[in-house]
């Protein structure tokens, strides 16, 4: 789960690590626990329809992954969402060139029931 840096949360105690510029990887909660905390606080954890699928080729495993995730974040930003839930990561190769595919959904964390993308 990646959350845009500066996203207001009802419980400021979430632990995360900077993953990409402006986005933090949540390291202390799984999705269900986060959704439960948000619900108990009266907040909404929107799930955007339409899966985001991105890929990146290259021999450097870490760079390949970051490129694919960066592309998925771009799609979350286009939907004006402040969260990205990575559903699945697949690593394969094509003609000897390794690639990674990232499957994700944009999410929005906010106080209130009506979607307010920012």
Protein backbone atom coordinates (compact mmCIF):
# COMPACT_ATOMS: atom_id res chain seq x y z
CA UNK A 1 0.00 0.00 0.00
CA UNK A 2 1.44 3.36 -1.03
CA UNK A 3 0.09 6.64 0.36
CA UNK A 4 0.87 10.07 -1.01
CA UNK A 5 3.07 12.06 1.37
CA UNK A 6 1.02 14.64 3.25
CA UNK A 7 -2.26 12.72 3.10
CA UNK A 8 -4.30 13.60 6.18
CA UNK A 9 -5.15 10.50 8.20
CA UNK A 10 -7.37 10.16 11.29
CA UNK A 11 -4.61 8.34 13.16
CA UNK A 12 -1.22 9.97 12.59
CA UNK A 13 0.63 6.93 13.97
CA UNK A 14 0.94 4.98 10.71
CA UNK A 15 4.46 3.80 10.12
CA UNK A 16 5.77 4.07 6.61
CA UNK A 17 8.95 4.25 4.64
CA UNK A 18 9.62 6.58 1.76
CA UNK A 19 9.38 4.55 -1.42
CA UNK A 20 9.30 7.00 -4.28
CA UNK A 21 9.42 10.78 -4.27
CA UNK A 22 6.27 11.95 -2.52
CA UNK A 23 4.90 8.47 -1.74
CA UNK A 24 5.30 6.31 1.37
CA UNK A 25 4.98 2.56 1.68
CA UNK A 26 2.87 1.60 4.71
CA UNK A 27 4.84 -0.98 6.64
CA UNK A 28 2.85 -1.58 9.82
CA UNK A 29 -0.69 -2.36 8.54
CA UNK A 30 -2.31 -4.53 5.94
CA UNK A 31 -5.20 -3.21 3.84
CA UNK A 32 -7.95 -4.72 5.99
CA UNK A 33 -6.56 -3.21 9.18
CA UNK A 34 -6.19 0.21 7.55
CA UNK A 35 -9.76 0.03 6.15
CA UNK A 36 -11.08 -0.94 9.60
CA UNK A 37 -9.27 1.97 11.32
CA UNK A 38 -10.56 4.43 8.73
CA UNK A 39 -14.12 3.10 9.03
CA UNK A 40 -14.05 3.29 12.83
CA UNK A 41 -12.94 6.93 12.57
CA UNK A 42 -15.81 7.70 10.16
CA UNK A 43 -13.51 8.09 7.18
CA UNK A 44 -13.88 6.56 3.72
CA UNK A 45 -11.39 4.35 1.87
CA UNK A 46 -12.60 4.58 -1.74
CA UNK A 47 -11.77 1.76 -4.14
CA UNK A 48 -11.58 2.99 -7.72
CA UNK A 49 -12.93 0.70 -10.44
CA UNK A 50 -10.57 -0.37 -13.18
CA UNK A 51 -7.32 -2.13 -12.49
CA UNK A 52 -4.08 -0.30 -13.23
CA UNK A 53 -1.56 -2.49 -15.05
CA UNK A 54 1.95 -1.26 -15.75
CA UNK A 55 5.13 -2.96 -16.92
CA UNK A 56 8.81 -2.17 -17.11
CA UNK A 57 11.70 -3.94 -18.83
CA UNK A 58 15.34 -4.06 -17.77
CA UNK A 59 18.09 -6.07 -16.15
CA UNK A 60 18.26 -4.03 -12.91
CA UNK A 61 15.56 -5.62 -10.74
CA UNK A 62 15.07 -2.68 -8.36
CA UNK A 63 15.02 -0.06 -11.14
CA UNK A 64 12.57 -2.17 -13.14
CA UNK A 65 10.20 -2.41 -10.15
CA UNK A 66 10.42 1.29 -9.30
CA UNK A 67 9.70 2.23 -12.92
CA UNK A 68 6.58 0.06 -13.01
CA UNK A 69 5.35 1.40 -9.66
CA UNK A 70 6.08 4.99 -10.74
CA UNK A 71 3.84 4.42 -13.77
CA UNK A 72 1.06 3.04 -11.54
CA UNK A 73 1.38 6.10 -9.27
CA UNK A 74 1.01 8.31 -12.35
CA UNK A 75 -2.36 6.65 -13.02
CA UNK A 76 -3.45 7.18 -9.38
CA UNK A 77 -2.56 10.87 -9.70
CA UNK A 78 -4.58 11.13 -12.93
CA UNK A 79 -7.59 9.80 -10.99
CA UNK A 80 -6.82 12.39 -8.28
CA UNK A 81 -6.30 9.68 -5.66
CA UNK A 82 -3.92 9.73 -2.70
CA UNK A 83 -3.36 6.00 -2.30
CA UNK A 84 -2.32 3.05 -4.43
CA UNK A 85 -2.99 -0.56 -3.50
CA UNK A 86 -0.68 -3.00 -5.26
CA UNK A 87 -2.62 -6.20 -5.87
CA UNK A 88 -0.05 -8.35 -7.64
CA UNK A 89 3.49 -8.27 -9.03
CA UNK A 90 4.63 -10.69 -11.74
CA UNK A 91 8.18 -11.09 -13.01
CA UNK A 92 8.77 -12.73 -16.38
CA UNK A 93 11.02 -12.41 -19.42
CA UNK A 94 10.47 -11.89 -23.13
CA UNK A 95 13.20 -13.04 -25.51
CA UNK A 96 15.62 -13.08 -22.58
CA UNK A 97 14.76 -9.53 -21.43
CA UNK A 98 13.29 -9.54 -17.91
CA UNK A 99 10.23 -7.47 -17.14
CA UNK A 100 7.87 -6.86 -14.26
CA UNK A 101 4.12 -6.28 -14.39
CA UNK A 102 2.40 -4.44 -11.54
CA UNK A 103 -1.34 -4.73 -11.03
CA UNK A 104 -2.90 -2.15 -8.71
CA UNK A 105 -5.99 -0.10 -7.85
CA UNK A 106 -6.16 3.58 -7.07
CA UNK A 107 -7.64 4.37 -3.67
CA UNK A 108 -8.70 7.58 -1.93
CA UNK A 109 -8.49 8.13 1.82
CA UNK A 110 -10.62 11.00 3.08
CA UNK A 111 -12.93 12.23 5.77
CA UNK A 112 -16.49 12.07 4.42
CA UNK A 113 -18.56 9.90 2.13
CA UNK A 114 -18.53 11.94 -1.13
CA UNK A 115 -15.44 11.51 -3.31
CA UNK A 116 -13.23 14.62 -3.34
CA UNK A 117 -10.22 13.88 -5.48
CA UNK A 118 -7.34 16.27 -5.00
